[in-house]
Amino acid sequence: MIPVIGLAVGIALGLVLDPTVPLWLQPYLPIAVVAALDAVFGGARASLDGIFDAKVFVISFVSNVVVAALIVFLGDQLGVGAQLSTAVVVVLGIRIFGNAAAIRRHLFRA
């Protein structure tokens, strides 16, 4: 229940405060969101499998975001930022859909 309340408070604060993302950070934000979603879906799957560990979840969440951002940063420095961004989204997307399928199988037995 606490995560749901935290999510609601975060959404409300975001709507009220209307934060702006600095221009230099904008290319990295979508990649960070996809990496965070990967960790969230992985945590949900682990929870349904009965092997969830909060420490592993936090480390996975932070490391996914940092590694994805570093890959995109490296791509920007090499002049291939768009291609590496696409690669990161594809890889993390495959992981998200794999976890979503496992969650579906667990919940609906199908």
PDB file of N, CA and C in Angstrom:
ATOM      1  N   MET A   1       0.818  -1.189   0.000  1.00  0.00           N
ATOM      2  CA  MET A   1       0.000   0.000   0.000  1.00  0.00           C
ATOM      3  C   MET A   1       0.873   1.269   0.000  1.00  0.00           C
ATOM      4  N   ILE A   2       2.006   1.215   0.673  1.00  0.00           N
ATOM      5  CA  ILE A   2       2.889   2.382   0.739  1.00  0.00           C
ATOM      6  C   ILE A   2       3.400   2.771  -0.645  1.00  0.00           C
ATOM      7  N   PRO A   3       3.815   1.812  -1.507  1.00  0.00           N
ATOM      8  CA  PRO A   3       4.258   2.214  -2.844  1.00  0.00           C
ATOM      9  C   PRO A   3       3.149   2.897  -3.655  1.00  0.00           C
ATOM     10  N   VAL A   4       1.918   2.448  -3.513  1.00  0.00           N
ATOM     11  CA  VAL A   4       0.808   3.055  -4.249  1.00  0.00           C
ATOM     12  C   VAL A   4       0.585   4.487  -3.773  1.00  0.00           C
ATOM     13  N   ILE A   5       0.645   4.697  -2.458  1.00  0.00           N
ATOM     14  CA  ILE A   5       0.497   6.050  -1.903  1.00  0.00           C
ATOM     15  C   ILE A   5       1.653   6.933  -2.388  1.00  0.00           C
ATOM     16  N   GLY A   6       2.875   6.401  -2.369  1.00  0.00           N
ATOM     17  CA  GLY A   6       4.034   7.151  -2.847  1.00  0.00           C
ATOM     18  C   GLY A   6       3.891   7.527  -4.312  1.00  0.00           C
ATOM     19  N   LEU A   7       3.382   6.603  -5.126  1.00  0.00           N
ATOM     20  CA  LEU A   7       3.171   6.881  -6.543  1.00  0.00           C
ATOM     21  C   LEU A   7       2.138   7.982  -6.728  1.00  0.00           C
ATOM     22  N   ALA A   8       1.039   7.910  -5.985  1.00  0.00           N
ATOM     23  CA  ALA A   8      -0.009   8.931  -6.082  1.00  0.00           C
ATOM     24  C   ALA A   8       0.514  10.302  -5.657  1.00  0.00           C
ATOM     25  N   VAL A   9       1.275  10.349  -4.567  1.00  0.00           N
ATOM     26  CA  VAL A   9       1.844  11.616  -4.103  1.00  0.00           C
ATOM     27  C   VAL A   9       2.828  12.158  -5.138  1.00  0.00           C
ATOM     28  N   GLY A  10       3.663  11.288  -5.708  1.00  0.00           N
ATOM     29  CA  GLY A  10       4.622  11.714  -6.725  1.00  0.00           C
ATOM     30  C   GLY A  10       3.943  12.263  -7.967  1.00  0.00           C
ATOM     31  N   ILE A  11       2.894  11.620  -8.411  1.00  0.00           N
ATOM     32  CA  ILE A  11       2.147  12.108  -9.580  1.00  0.00           C
ATOM     33  C   ILE A  11       1.503  13.453  -9.276  1.00  0.00           C
ATOM     34  N   ALA A  12       0.899  13.558  -8.098  1.00  0.00           N
ATOM     35  CA  ALA A  12       0.259  14.828  -7.715  1.00  0.00           C
ATOM     36  C   ALA A  12       1.283  15.960  -7.641  1.00  0.00           C
ATOM     37  N   LEU A  13       2.435  15.692  -7.023  1.00  0.00           N
ATOM     38  CA  LEU A  13       3.473  16.725  -6.938  1.00  0.00           C
ATOM     39  C   LEU A  13       3.984  17.109  -8.325  1.00  0.00           C
ATOM     40  N   GLY A  14       4.131  16.141  -9.198  1.00  0.00           N
ATOM     41  CA  GLY A  14       4.580  16.430 -10.555  1.00  0.00           C
ATOM     42  C   GLY A  14       3.595  17.296 -11.314  1.00  0.00           C
ATOM     43  N   LEU A  15       2.316  17.044 -11.113  1.00  0.00           N
ATOM     44  CA  LEU A  15       1.304  17.849 -11.792  1.00  0.00           C
ATOM     45  C   LEU A  15       1.215  19.263 -11.220  1.00  0.00           C
ATOM     46  N   VAL A  16       1.366  19.387  -9.901  1.00  0.00           N
ATOM     47  CA  VAL A  16       1.262  20.695  -9.251  1.00  0.00           C
ATOM     48  C   VAL A  16       2.514  21.536  -9.497  1.00  0.00           C
ATOM     49  N   LEU A  17       3.698  20.940  -9.317  1.00  0.00           N
ATOM     50  CA  LEU A  17       4.941  21.696  -9.417  1.00  0.00           C
ATOM     51  C   LEU A  17       5.406  21.903 -10.856  1.00  0.00           C
ATOM     52  N   ASP A  18       4.949  21.048 -11.771  1.00  0.00           N
ATOM     53  CA  ASP A  18       5.316  21.126 -13.186  1.00  0.00           C
ATOM     54  C   ASP A  18       6.829  21.308 -13.373  1.00  0.00           C
ATOM     55  N   PRO A  19       7.618  20.302 -12.955  1.00  0.00           N
ATOM     56  CA  PRO A  19       9.077  20.447 -13.057  1.00  0.00           C
ATOM     57  C   PRO A  19       9.532  20.447 -14.515  1.00  0.00           C
ATOM     58  N   THR A  20      10.648  21.114 -14.759  1.00  0.00           N
ATOM     59  CA  THR A  20      11.233  21.119 -16.093  1.00  0.00           C
ATOM     60  C   THR A  20      12.525  20.314 -16.066  1.00  0.00           C
ATOM     61  N   VAL A  21      12.772  19.614 -17.141  1.00  0.00           N
ATOM     62  CA  VAL A  21      13.982  18.811 -17.269  1.00  0.00           C
ATOM     63  C   VAL A  21      15.026  19.657 -17.993  1.00  0.00           C
ATOM     64  N   PRO A  22      16.234  19.764 -17.431  1.00  0.00           N
ATOM     65  CA  PRO A  22      17.275  20.538 -18.125  1.00  0.00           C
ATOM     66  C   PRO A  22      17.529  19.975 -19.524  1.00  0.00           C
ATOM     67  N   LEU A  23      17.893  20.860 -20.423  1.00  0.00           N
ATOM     68  CA  LEU A  23      18.091  20.485 -21.822  1.00  0.00           C
ATOM     69  C   LEU A  23      19.143  19.386 -21.986  1.00  0.00           C
ATOM     70  N   TRP A  24      20.230  19.434 -21.214  1.00  0.00           N
ATOM     71  CA  TRP A  24      21.300  18.445 -21.352  1.00  0.00           C
ATOM     72  C   TRP A  24      20.861  17.065 -20.854  1.00  0.00           C
ATOM     73  N   LEU A  25      19.799  17.012 -20.027  1.00  0.00           N
ATOM     74  CA  LEU A  25      19.345  15.746 -19.460  1.00  0.00           C
ATOM     75  C   LEU A  25      18.248  15.096 -20.298  1.00  0.00           C
ATOM     76  N   GLN A  26      17.628  15.837 -21.185  1.00  0.00           N
ATOM     77  CA  GLN A  26      16.486  15.336 -21.935  1.00  0.00           C
ATOM     78  C   GLN A  26      16.756  14.080 -22.772  1.00  0.00           C
ATOM     79  N   PRO A  27      17.916  13.907 -23.397  1.00  0.00           N
ATOM     80  CA  PRO A  27      18.121  12.664 -24.155  1.00  0.00           C
ATOM     81  C   PRO A  27      18.206  11.414 -23.272  1.00  0.00           C
ATOM     82  N   TYR A  28      18.539  11.604 -22.008  1.00  0.00           N
ATOM     83  CA  TYR A  28      18.747  10.470 -21.113  1.00  0.00           C
ATOM     84  C   TYR A  28      17.487  10.075 -20.346  1.00  0.00           C
ATOM     85  N   LEU A  29      16.532  10.978 -20.216  1.00  0.00           N
ATOM     86  CA  LEU A  29      15.346  10.709 -19.411  1.00  0.00           C
ATOM     87  C   LEU A  29      14.507   9.548 -19.942  1.00  0.00           C
ATOM     88  N   PRO A  30      14.191   9.479 -21.236  1.00  0.00           N
ATOM     89  CA  PRO A  30      13.395   8.336 -21.709  1.00  0.00           C
ATOM     90  C   PRO A  30      14.105   7.000 -21.492  1.00  0.00           C
ATOM     91  N   ILE A  31      15.415   6.985 -21.667  1.00  0.00           N
ATOM     92  CA  ILE A  31      16.174   5.750 -21.457  1.00  0.00           C
ATOM     93  C   ILE A  31      16.138   5.367 -19.981  1.00  0.00           C
ATOM     94  N   ALA A  32      16.255   6.352 -19.102  1.00  0.00           N
ATOM     95  CA  ALA A  32      16.198   6.087 -17.665  1.00  0.00           C
ATOM     96  C   ALA A  32      14.830   5.547 -17.268  1.00  0.00           C
ATOM     97  N   VAL A  33      13.778   6.076 -17.869  1.00  0.00           N
ATOM     98  CA  VAL A  33      12.423   5.598 -17.557  1.00  0.00           C
ATOM     99  C   VAL A  33      12.258   4.150 -18.009  1.00  0.00           C
ATOM    100  N   VAL A  34      12.718   3.824 -19.198  1.00  0.00           N
ATOM    101  CA  VAL A  34      12.613   2.437 -19.690  1.00  0.00           C
ATOM    102  C   VAL A  34      13.438   1.494 -18.809  1.00  0.00           C
ATOM    103  N   ALA A  35      14.625   1.925 -18.400  1.00  0.00           N
ATOM    104  CA  ALA A  35      15.457   1.099 -17.520  1.00  0.00           C
ATOM    105  C   ALA A  35      14.784   0.911 -16.168  1.00  0.00           C
ATOM    106  N   ALA A  36      14.155   1.956 -15.654  1.00  0.00           N
ATOM    107  CA  ALA A  36      13.440   1.839 -14.382  1.00  0.00           C
ATOM    108  C   ALA A  36      12.241   0.903 -14.511  1.00  0.00           C
ATOM    109  N   LEU A  37      11.523   0.990 -15.636  1.00  0.00           N
ATOM    110  CA  LEU A  37      10.397   0.086 -15.858  1.00  0.00           C
ATOM    111  C   LEU A  37      10.856  -1.371 -15.919  1.00  0.00           C
ATOM    112  N   ASP A  38      12.013  -1.605 -16.507  1.00  0.00           N
ATOM    113  CA  ASP A  38      12.564  -2.951 -16.540  1.00  0.00           C
ATOM    114  C   ASP A  38      12.765  -3.480 -15.122  1.00  0.00           C
ATOM    115  N   ALA A  39      13.321  -2.655 -14.254  1.00  0.00           N
ATOM    116  CA  ALA A  39      13.539  -3.072 -12.867  1.00  0.00           C
ATOM    117  C   ALA A  39      12.211  -3.300 -12.144  1.00  0.00           C
ATOM    118  N   VAL A  40      11.229  -2.452 -12.405  1.00  0.00           N
ATOM    119  CA  VAL A  40       9.922  -2.593 -11.744  1.00  0.00           C
ATOM    120  C   VAL A  40       9.234  -3.889 -12.184  1.00  0.00           C
ATOM    121  N   PHE A  41       9.239  -4.164 -13.486  1.00  0.00           N
ATOM    122  CA  PHE A  41       8.623  -5.404 -13.962  1.00  0.00           C
ATOM    123  C   PHE A  41       9.394  -6.627 -13.446  1.00  0.00           C
ATOM    124  N   GLY A  42      10.708  -6.526 -13.387  1.00  0.00           N
ATOM    125  CA  GLY A  42      11.502  -7.618 -12.819  1.00  0.00           C
ATOM    126  C   GLY A  42      11.190  -7.835 -11.347  1.00  0.00           C
ATOM    127  N   GLY A  43      11.005  -6.743 -10.607  1.00  0.00           N
ATOM    128  CA  GLY A  43      10.639  -6.852  -9.195  1.00  0.00           C
ATOM    129  C   GLY A  43       9.263  -7.458  -9.003  1.00  0.00           C
ATOM    130  N   ALA A  44       8.324  -7.070  -9.856  1.00  0.00           N
ATOM    131  CA  ALA A  44       6.979  -7.642  -9.776  1.00  0.00           C
ATOM    132  C   ALA A  44       7.011  -9.136 -10.072  1.00  0.00           C
ATOM    133  N   ARG A  45       7.795  -9.520 -11.062  1.00  0.00           N
ATOM    134  CA  ARG A  45       7.920 -10.946 -11.393  1.00  0.00           C
ATOM    135  C   ARG A  45       8.554 -11.715 -10.236  1.00  0.00           C
ATOM    136  N   ALA A  46       9.613 -11.149  -9.669  1.00  0.00           N
ATOM    137  CA  ALA A  46      10.269 -11.812  -8.533  1.00  0.00           C
ATOM    138  C   ALA A  46       9.323 -11.935  -7.353  1.00  0.00           C
ATOM    139  N   SER A  47       8.503 -10.920  -7.145  1.00  0.00           N
ATOM    140  CA  SER A  47       7.545 -10.967  -6.046  1.00  0.00           C
ATOM    141  C   SER A  47       6.530 -12.094  -6.254  1.00  0.00           C
ATOM    142  N   LEU A  48       6.032 -12.218  -7.477  1.00  0.00           N
ATOM    143  CA  LEU A  48       5.078 -13.294  -7.761  1.00  0.00           C
ATOM    144  C   LEU A  48       5.729 -14.668  -7.695  1.00  0.00           C
ATOM    145  N   ASP A  49       7.016 -14.739  -8.011  1.00  0.00           N
ATOM    146  CA  ASP A  49       7.736 -16.009  -7.915  1.00  0.00           C
ATOM    147  C   ASP A  49       8.164 -16.320  -6.487  1.00  0.00           C
ATOM    148  N   GLY A  50       7.975 -15.353  -5.588  1.00  0.00           N
ATOM    149  CA  GLY A  50       8.328 -15.558  -4.183  1.00  0.00           C
ATOM    150  C   GLY A  50       9.805 -15.404  -3.886  1.00  0.00           C
ATOM    151  N   ILE A  51      10.554 -14.729  -4.751  1.00  0.00           N
ATOM    152  CA  ILE A  51      11.998 -14.571  -4.541  1.00  0.00           C
ATOM    153  C   ILE A  51      12.410 -13.103  -4.487  1.00  0.00           C
ATOM    154  N   PHE A  52      11.440 -12.216  -4.216  1.00  0.00           N
ATOM    155  CA  PHE A  52      11.735 -10.784  -4.188  1.00  0.00           C
ATOM    156  C   PHE A  52      12.637 -10.444  -3.011  1.00  0.00           C
ATOM    157  N   ASP A  53      13.642  -9.623  -3.293  1.00  0.00           N
ATOM    158  CA  ASP A  53      14.536  -9.114  -2.260  1.00  0.00           C
ATOM    159  C   ASP A  53      14.667  -7.611  -2.492  1.00  0.00           C
ATOM    160  N   ALA A  54      14.314  -6.820  -1.498  1.00  0.00           N
ATOM    161  CA  ALA A  54      14.313  -5.360  -1.648  1.00  0.00           C
ATOM    162  C   ALA A  54      15.700  -4.830  -1.994  1.00  0.00           C
ATOM    163  N   LYS A  55      16.750  -5.405  -1.393  1.00  0.00           N
ATOM    164  CA  LYS A  55      18.114  -4.947  -1.675  1.00  0.00           C
ATOM    165  C   LYS A  55      18.474  -5.190  -3.143  1.00  0.00           C
ATOM    166  N   VAL A  56      18.136  -6.360  -3.642  1.00  0.00           N
ATOM    167  CA  VAL A  56      18.403  -6.684  -5.049  1.00  0.00           C
ATOM    168  C   VAL A  56      17.605  -5.759  -5.960  1.00  0.00           C
ATOM    169  N   PHE A  57      16.349  -5.463  -5.585  1.00  0.00           N
ATOM    170  CA  PHE A  57      15.520  -4.581  -6.398  1.00  0.00           C
ATOM    171  C   PHE A  57      16.121  -3.186  -6.493  1.00  0.00           C
ATOM    172  N   VAL A  58      16.528  -2.620  -5.373  1.00  0.00           N
ATOM    173  CA  VAL A  58      17.090  -1.263  -5.373  1.00  0.00           C
ATOM    174  C   VAL A  58      18.380  -1.218  -6.180  1.00  0.00           C
ATOM    175  N   ILE A  59      19.233  -2.207  -5.987  1.00  0.00           N
ATOM    176  CA  ILE A  59      20.490  -2.252  -6.739  1.00  0.00           C
ATOM    177  C   ILE A  59      20.210  -2.412  -8.231  1.00  0.00           C
ATOM    178  N   SER A  60      19.265  -3.263  -8.590  1.00  0.00           N
ATOM    179  CA  SER A  60      18.894  -3.460  -9.989  1.00  0.00           C
ATOM    180  C   SER A  60      18.324  -2.175 -10.584  1.00  0.00           C
ATOM    181  N   PHE A  61      17.469  -1.515  -9.830  1.00  0.00           N
ATOM    182  CA  PHE A  61      16.848  -0.273 -10.295  1.00  0.00           C
ATOM    183  C   PHE A  61      17.902   0.780 -10.596  1.00  0.00           C
ATOM    184  N   VAL A  62      18.773   1.028  -9.642  1.00  0.00           N
ATOM    185  CA  VAL A  62      19.793   2.069  -9.793  1.00  0.00           C
ATOM    186  C   VAL A  62      20.798   1.687 -10.882  1.00  0.00           C
ATOM    187  N   SER A  63      21.260   0.450 -10.859  1.00  0.00           N
ATOM    188  CA  SER A  63      22.271   0.051 -11.839  1.00  0.00           C
ATOM    189  C   SER A  63      21.707   0.042 -13.255  1.00  0.00           C
ATOM    190  N   ASN A  64      20.455  -0.367 -13.443  1.00  0.00           N
ATOM    191  CA  ASN A  64      19.846  -0.317 -14.776  1.00  0.00           C
ATOM    192  C   ASN A  64      19.833   1.104 -15.315  1.00  0.00           C
ATOM    193  N   VAL A  65      19.412   2.039 -14.489  1.00  0.00           N
ATOM    194  CA  VAL A  65      19.324   3.438 -14.920  1.00  0.00           C
ATOM    195  C   VAL A  65      20.715   3.986 -15.235  1.00  0.00           C
ATOM    196  N   VAL A  66      21.675   3.725 -14.353  1.00  0.00           N
ATOM    197  CA  VAL A  66      23.031   4.258 -14.547  1.00  0.00           C
ATOM    198  C   VAL A  66      23.688   3.656 -15.783  1.00  0.00           C
ATOM    199  N   VAL A  67      23.601   2.350 -15.942  1.00  0.00           N
ATOM    200  CA  VAL A  67      24.238   1.701 -17.100  1.00  0.00           C
ATOM    201  C   VAL A  67      23.584   2.157 -18.402  1.00  0.00           C
ATOM    202  N   ALA A  68      22.259   2.234 -18.435  1.00  0.00           N
ATOM    203  CA  ALA A  68      21.583   2.695 -19.653  1.00  0.00           C
ATOM    204  C   ALA A  68      21.984   4.124 -19.991  1.00  0.00           C
ATOM    205  N   ALA A  69      22.040   4.989 -18.980  1.00  0.00           N
ATOM    206  CA  ALA A  69      22.444   6.380 -19.218  1.00  0.00           C
ATOM    207  C   ALA A  69      23.897   6.454 -19.693  1.00  0.00           C
ATOM    208  N   LEU A  70      24.763   5.646 -19.120  1.00  0.00           N
ATOM    209  CA  LEU A  70      26.166   5.643 -19.547  1.00  0.00           C
ATOM    210  C   LEU A  70      26.327   5.161 -20.984  1.00  0.00           C
ATOM    211  N   ILE A  71      25.549   4.171 -21.368  1.00  0.00           N
ATOM    212  CA  ILE A  71      25.615   3.685 -22.748  1.00  0.00           C
ATOM    213  C   ILE A  71      25.185   4.784 -23.712  1.00  0.00           C
ATOM    214  N   VAL A  72      24.106   5.483 -23.381  1.00  0.00           N
ATOM    215  CA  VAL A  72      23.641   6.563 -24.250  1.00  0.00           C
ATOM    216  C   VAL A  72      24.645   7.709 -24.251  1.00  0.00           C
ATOM    217  N   PHE A  73      25.221   8.032 -23.107  1.00  0.00           N
ATOM    218  CA  PHE A  73      26.242   9.077 -23.035  1.00  0.00           C
ATOM    219  C   PHE A  73      27.440   8.715 -23.913  1.00  0.00           C
ATOM    220  N   LEU A  74      27.887   7.471 -23.812  1.00  0.00           N
ATOM    221  CA  LEU A  74      28.992   7.014 -24.642  1.00  0.00           C
ATOM    222  C   LEU A  74      28.639   7.122 -26.125  1.00  0.00           C
ATOM    223  N   GLY A  75      27.420   6.752 -26.464  1.00  0.00           N
ATOM    224  CA  GLY A  75      26.974   6.881 -27.850  1.00  0.00           C
ATOM    225  C   GLY A  75      26.980   8.324 -28.320  1.00  0.00           C
ATOM    226  N   ASP A  76      26.556   9.240 -27.434  1.00  0.00           N
ATOM    227  CA  ASP A  76      26.601  10.664 -27.792  1.00  0.00           C
ATOM    228  C   ASP A  76      28.028  11.123 -28.033  1.00  0.00           C
ATOM    229  N   GLN A  77      28.949  10.663 -27.210  1.00  0.00           N
ATOM    230  CA  GLN A  77      30.350  11.061 -27.368  1.00  0.00           C
ATOM    231  C   GLN A  77      30.953  10.508 -28.651  1.00  0.00           C
ATOM    232  N   LEU A  78      30.492   9.332 -29.063  1.00  0.00           N
ATOM    233  CA  LEU A  78      30.992   8.713 -30.293  1.00  0.00           C
ATOM    234  C   LEU A  78      30.231   9.165 -31.534  1.00  0.00           C
ATOM    235  N   GLY A  79      29.141   9.911 -31.327  1.00  0.00           N
ATOM    236  CA  GLY A  79      28.351  10.380 -32.454  1.00  0.00           C
ATOM    237  C   GLY A  79      27.302   9.396 -32.932  1.00  0.00           C
ATOM    238  N   VAL A  80      27.040   8.381 -32.155  1.00  0.00           N
ATOM    239  CA  VAL A  80      26.028   7.377 -32.517  1.00  0.00           C
ATOM    240  C   VAL A  80      24.997   7.227 -31.408  1.00  0.00           C
ATOM    241  N   GLY A  81      24.659   8.338 -30.766  1.00  0.00           N
ATOM    242  CA  GLY A  81      23.742   8.318 -29.625  1.00  0.00           C
ATOM    243  C   GLY A  81      22.379   7.752 -29.949  1.00  0.00           C
ATOM    244  N   ALA A  82      21.841   8.117 -31.124  1.00  0.00           N
ATOM    245  CA  ALA A  82      20.510   7.642 -31.493  1.00  0.00           C
ATOM    246  C   ALA A  82      20.492   6.122 -31.676  1.00  0.00           C
ATOM    247  N   GLN A  83      21.537   5.588 -32.288  1.00  0.00           N
ATOM    248  CA  GLN A  83      21.587   4.139 -32.510  1.00  0.00           C
ATOM    249  C   GLN A  83      21.713   3.386 -31.189  1.00  0.00           C
ATOM    250  N   LEU A  84      22.573   3.879 -30.294  1.00  0.00           N
ATOM    251  CA  LEU A  84      22.708   3.194 -29.008  1.00  0.00           C
ATOM    252  C   LEU A  84      21.464   3.367 -28.150  1.00  0.00           C
ATOM    253  N   SER A  85      20.783   4.508 -28.254  1.00  0.00           N
ATOM    254  CA  SER A  85      19.519   4.694 -27.537  1.00  0.00           C
ATOM    255  C   SER A  85      18.499   3.666 -28.001  1.00  0.00           C
ATOM    256  N   THR A  86      18.433   3.475 -29.317  1.00  0.00           N
ATOM    257  CA  THR A  86      17.513   2.488 -29.871  1.00  0.00           C
ATOM    258  C   THR A  86      17.875   1.084 -29.390  1.00  0.00           C
ATOM    259  N   ALA A  87      19.156   0.778 -29.369  1.00  0.00           N
ATOM    260  CA  ALA A  87      19.590  -0.545 -28.911  1.00  0.00           C
ATOM    261  C   ALA A  87      19.216  -0.775 -27.461  1.00  0.00           C
ATOM    262  N   VAL A  88      19.410   0.231 -26.614  1.00  0.00           N
ATOM    263  CA  VAL A  88      19.065   0.101 -25.199  1.00  0.00           C
ATOM    264  C   VAL A  88      17.563  -0.111 -25.037  1.00  0.00           C
ATOM    265  N   VAL A  89      16.769   0.654 -25.770  1.00  0.00           N
ATOM    266  CA  VAL A  89      15.308   0.518 -25.673  1.00  0.00           C
ATOM    267  C   VAL A  89      14.862  -0.861 -26.153  1.00  0.00           C
ATOM    268  N   VAL A  90      15.469  -1.365 -27.218  1.00  0.00           N
ATOM    269  CA  VAL A  90      15.099  -2.688 -27.733  1.00  0.00           C
ATOM    270  C   VAL A  90      15.436  -3.769 -26.707  1.00  0.00           C
ATOM    271  N   VAL A  91      16.641  -3.735 -26.166  1.00  0.00           N
ATOM    272  CA  VAL A  91      17.055  -4.767 -25.201  1.00  0.00           C
ATOM    273  C   VAL A  91      16.189  -4.714 -23.952  1.00  0.00           C
ATOM    274  N   LEU A  92      16.004  -3.523 -23.407  1.00  0.00           N
ATOM    275  CA  LEU A  92      15.181  -3.409 -22.203  1.00  0.00           C
ATOM    276  C   LEU A  92      13.716  -3.719 -22.503  1.00  0.00           C
ATOM    277  N   GLY A  93      13.264  -3.362 -23.699  1.00  0.00           N
ATOM    278  CA  GLY A  93      11.897  -3.698 -24.090  1.00  0.00           C
ATOM    279  C   GLY A  93      11.671  -5.192 -24.151  1.00  0.00           C
ATOM    280  N   ILE A  94      12.633  -5.911 -24.672  1.00  0.00           N
ATOM    281  CA  ILE A  94      12.525  -7.375 -24.709  1.00  0.00           C
ATOM    282  C   ILE A  94      12.446  -7.935 -23.292  1.00  0.00           C
ATOM    283  N   ARG A  95      13.274  -7.394 -22.394  1.00  0.00           N
ATOM    284  CA  ARG A  95      13.239  -7.847 -20.998  1.00  0.00           C
ATOM    285  C   ARG A  95      11.905  -7.508 -20.335  1.00  0.00           C
ATOM    286  N   ILE A  96      11.374  -6.314 -20.614  1.00  0.00           N
ATOM    287  CA  ILE A  96      10.094  -5.915 -20.033  1.00  0.00           C
ATOM    288  C   ILE A  96       8.985  -6.838 -20.515  1.00  0.00           C
ATOM    289  N   PHE A  97       8.938  -7.108 -21.815  1.00  0.00           N
ATOM    290  CA  PHE A  97       7.900  -7.979 -22.338  1.00  0.00           C
ATOM    291  C   PHE A  97       8.059  -9.413 -21.837  1.00  0.00           C
ATOM    292  N   GLY A  98       9.292  -9.867 -21.648  1.00  0.00           N
ATOM    293  CA  GLY A  98       9.505 -11.193 -21.067  1.00  0.00           C
ATOM    294  C   GLY A  98       8.985 -11.270 -19.647  1.00  0.00           C
ATOM    295  N   ASN A  99       9.278 -10.245 -18.853  1.00  0.00           N
ATOM    296  CA  ASN A  99       8.766 -10.210 -17.484  1.00  0.00           C
ATOM    297  C   ASN A  99       7.250 -10.070 -17.464  1.00  0.00           C
ATOM    298  N   ALA A 100       6.696  -9.256 -18.372  1.00  0.00           N
ATOM    299  CA  ALA A 100       5.243  -9.101 -18.447  1.00  0.00           C
ATOM    300  C   ALA A 100       4.574 -10.429 -18.804  1.00  0.00           C
ATOM    301  N   ALA A 101       5.185 -11.183 -19.702  1.00  0.00           N
ATOM    302  CA  ALA A 101       4.634 -12.492 -20.065  1.00  0.00           C
ATOM    303  C   ALA A 101       4.685 -13.447 -18.877  1.00  0.00           C
ATOM    304  N   ALA A 102       5.762 -13.419 -18.127  1.00  0.00           N
ATOM    305  CA  ALA A 102       5.861 -14.282 -16.941  1.00  0.00           C
ATOM    306  C   ALA A 102       4.828 -13.876 -15.893  1.00  0.00           C
ATOM    307  N   ILE A 103       4.610 -12.580 -15.733  1.00  0.00           N
ATOM    308  CA  ILE A 103       3.591 -12.100 -14.791  1.00  0.00           C
ATOM    309  C   ILE A 103       2.205 -12.547 -15.247  1.00  0.00           C
ATOM    310  N   ARG A 104       1.935 -12.414 -16.537  1.00  0.00           N
ATOM    311  CA  ARG A 104       0.657 -12.856 -17.078  1.00  0.00           C
ATOM    312  C   ARG A 104       0.435 -14.347 -16.850  1.00  0.00           C
ATOM    313  N   ARG A 105       1.477 -15.140 -17.129  1.00  0.00           N
ATOM    314  CA  ARG A 105       1.355 -16.588 -16.928  1.00  0.00           C
ATOM    315  C   ARG A 105       1.090 -16.903 -15.463  1.00  0.00           C
ATOM    316  N   HIS A 106       1.735 -16.167 -14.583  1.00  0.00           N
ATOM    317  CA  HIS A 106       1.555 -16.423 -13.146  1.00  0.00           C
ATOM    318  C   HIS A 106       0.164 -16.031 -12.685  1.00  0.00           C
ATOM    319  N   LEU A 107      -0.324 -14.892 -13.142  1.00  0.00           N
ATOM    320  CA  LEU A 107      -1.624 -14.395 -12.690  1.00  0.00           C
ATOM    321  C   LEU A 107      -2.802 -15.137 -13.310  1.00  0.00           C
ATOM    322  N   PHE A 108      -2.700 -15.457 -14.597  1.00  0.00           N
ATOM    323  CA  PHE A 108      -3.834 -16.046 -15.317  1.00  0.00           C
ATOM    324  C   PHE A 108      -3.646 -17.529 -15.615  1.00  0.00           C
ATOM    325  N   ARG A 109      -2.516 -18.074 -15.198  1.00  0.00           N
ATOM    326  CA  ARG A 109      -2.221 -19.498 -15.425  1.00  0.00           C
ATOM    327  C   ARG A 109      -2.335 -19.831 -16.912  1.00  0.00           C
ATOM    328  N   ALA A 110      -1.933 -18.867 -17.764  1.00  0.00           N
ATOM    329  CA  ALA A 110      -2.045 -19.106 -19.213  1.00  0.00           C
ATOM    330  C   ALA A 110      -0.773 -18.647 -19.901  1.00  0.00           C
TER     331      ALA A 110
END
